[in-house]
Amino acid sequence: MTPHQQLDSFLDRYNPEIAALARAAIARLRRMFPTLDLLIYDNYNALAIGFGPKENPRRRRSPSLCIQN
């Protein structure tokens, strides 16, 4: 499974309106920050998505998105 397919499978667990909004937000953030990597944490009650630089992501502030039903 590719990382993109895995992200889609995480988002498919949410109702269609939330999944569509999350996909739109991710696409917009990717356009705004094309050089940042996508960091995903699938928790039992939420999906956390962060954008960070390849070099030491803990040292810089970057956008994040949390999706929860």
C-alpha atoms as a PDB file:
ATOM      1  CA  MET A   1       0.000   0.000   0.000  1.00  0.00           C
ATOM      2  CA  THR A   2       1.404   3.387  -0.964  1.00  0.00           C
ATOM      3  CA  PRO A   3       1.408   6.271   1.527  1.00  0.00           C
ATOM      4  CA  HIS A   4      -1.297   8.018  -0.529  1.00  0.00           C
ATOM      5  CA  GLN A   5      -3.499   4.898  -0.421  1.00  0.00           C
ATOM      6  CA  GLN A   6      -2.941   4.616   3.309  1.00  0.00           C
ATOM      7  CA  LEU A   7      -3.986   8.232   3.867  1.00  0.00           C
ATOM      8  CA  ASP A   8      -7.103   7.605   1.752  1.00  0.00           C
ATOM      9  CA  SER A   9      -7.957   4.552   3.857  1.00  0.00           C
ATOM     10  CA  PHE A  10      -7.636   6.636   7.047  1.00  0.00           C
ATOM     11  CA  LEU A  11      -9.883   9.368   5.620  1.00  0.00           C
ATOM     12  CA  ASP A  12     -12.446   6.844   4.344  1.00  0.00           C
ATOM     13  CA  ARG A  13     -13.270   5.989   7.980  1.00  0.00           C
ATOM     14  CA  TYR A  14     -14.926   9.387   8.415  1.00  0.00           C
ATOM     15  CA  ASN A  15     -18.289  10.452   7.082  1.00  0.00           C
ATOM     16  CA  PRO A  16     -18.108  11.689   3.473  1.00  0.00           C
ATOM     17  CA  GLU A  17     -18.489  15.383   4.308  1.00  0.00           C
ATOM     18  CA  ILE A  18     -15.615  15.363   6.801  1.00  0.00           C
ATOM     19  CA  ALA A  19     -13.428  13.257   4.484  1.00  0.00           C
ATOM     20  CA  ALA A  20     -14.046  15.638   1.564  1.00  0.00           C
ATOM     21  CA  LEU A  21     -13.267  18.683   3.711  1.00  0.00           C
ATOM     22  CA  ALA A  22     -10.083  17.042   5.000  1.00  0.00           C
ATOM     23  CA  ARG A  23      -8.933  16.129   1.476  1.00  0.00           C
ATOM     24  CA  ALA A  24      -9.563  19.708   0.323  1.00  0.00           C
ATOM     25  CA  ALA A  25      -7.635  21.120   3.305  1.00  0.00           C
ATOM     26  CA  ILE A  26      -4.713  18.755   2.702  1.00  0.00           C
ATOM     27  CA  ALA A  27      -4.611  19.668  -0.994  1.00  0.00           C
ATOM     28  CA  ARG A  28      -4.641  23.379  -0.183  1.00  0.00           C
ATOM     29  CA  LEU A  29      -1.878  23.038   2.430  1.00  0.00           C
ATOM     30  CA  ARG A  30       0.215  21.010  -0.024  1.00  0.00           C
ATOM     31  CA  ARG A  31      -0.118  23.817  -2.578  1.00  0.00           C
ATOM     32  CA  MET A  32       0.770  26.426   0.035  1.00  0.00           C
ATOM     33  CA  PHE A  33       3.762  24.484   1.391  1.00  0.00           C
ATOM     34  CA  PRO A  34       5.071  22.308  -1.470  1.00  0.00           C
ATOM     35  CA  THR A  35       8.480  21.635   0.071  1.00  0.00           C
ATOM     36  CA  LEU A  36       7.162  20.243   3.366  1.00  0.00           C
ATOM     37  CA  ASP A  37       6.667  16.539   4.077  1.00  0.00           C
ATOM     38  CA  LEU A  38       3.369  15.133   5.265  1.00  0.00           C
ATOM     39  CA  LEU A  39       3.465  13.537   8.732  1.00  0.00           C
ATOM     40  CA  ILE A  40       0.433  11.427   9.719  1.00  0.00           C
ATOM     41  CA  TYR A  41      -0.596   9.987  13.077  1.00  0.00           C
ATOM     42  CA  ASP A  42      -3.671   7.752  13.153  1.00  0.00           C
ATOM     43  CA  ASN A  43      -5.086   7.734  16.661  1.00  0.00           C
ATOM     44  CA  TYR A  44      -8.144   5.791  17.829  1.00  0.00           C
ATOM     45  CA  ASN A  45     -10.333   8.907  17.930  1.00  0.00           C
ATOM     46  CA  ALA A  46      -8.643  11.366  15.559  1.00  0.00           C
ATOM     47  CA  LEU A  47      -6.346  11.657  12.580  1.00  0.00           C
ATOM     48  CA  ALA A  48      -3.523  14.158  13.020  1.00  0.00           C
ATOM     49  CA  ILE A  49      -1.738  15.460   9.933  1.00  0.00           C
ATOM     50  CA  GLY A  50       1.265  17.720  10.143  1.00  0.00           C
ATOM     51  CA  PHE A  51       3.506  19.306   7.566  1.00  0.00           C
ATOM     52  CA  GLY A  52       7.185  19.571   8.350  1.00  0.00           C
ATOM     53  CA  PRO A  53      10.566  20.054   6.720  1.00  0.00           C
ATOM     54  CA  LYS A  54      12.696  17.027   5.928  1.00  0.00           C
ATOM     55  CA  GLU A  55      15.571  18.370   7.988  1.00  0.00           C
ATOM     56  CA  ASN A  56      14.763  18.165  11.698  1.00  0.00           C
ATOM     57  CA  PRO A  57      10.974  18.760  11.709  1.00  0.00           C
ATOM     58  CA  ARG A  58      10.881  19.358  15.475  1.00  0.00           C
ATOM     59  CA  ARG A  59      12.835  22.585  15.245  1.00  0.00           C
ATOM     60  CA  ARG A  60      10.468  24.505  12.989  1.00  0.00           C
ATOM     61  CA  ARG A  61       6.856  25.532  13.235  1.00  0.00           C
ATOM     62  CA  SER A  62       4.656  24.168  10.517  1.00  0.00           C
ATOM     63  CA  PRO A  63       0.934  23.826   9.767  1.00  0.00           C
ATOM     64  CA  SER A  64      -1.106  20.929  11.105  1.00  0.00           C
ATOM     65  CA  LEU A  65      -4.600  19.538  10.714  1.00  0.00           C
ATOM     66  CA  CYS A  66      -6.631  17.338  13.083  1.00  0.00           C
ATOM     67  CA  ILE A  67      -9.665  15.416  11.837  1.00  0.00           C
ATOM     68  CA  GLN A  68     -12.152  14.051  14.333  1.00  0.00           C
ATOM     69  CA  ASN A  69     -15.761  12.839  14.086  1.00  0.00           C
END
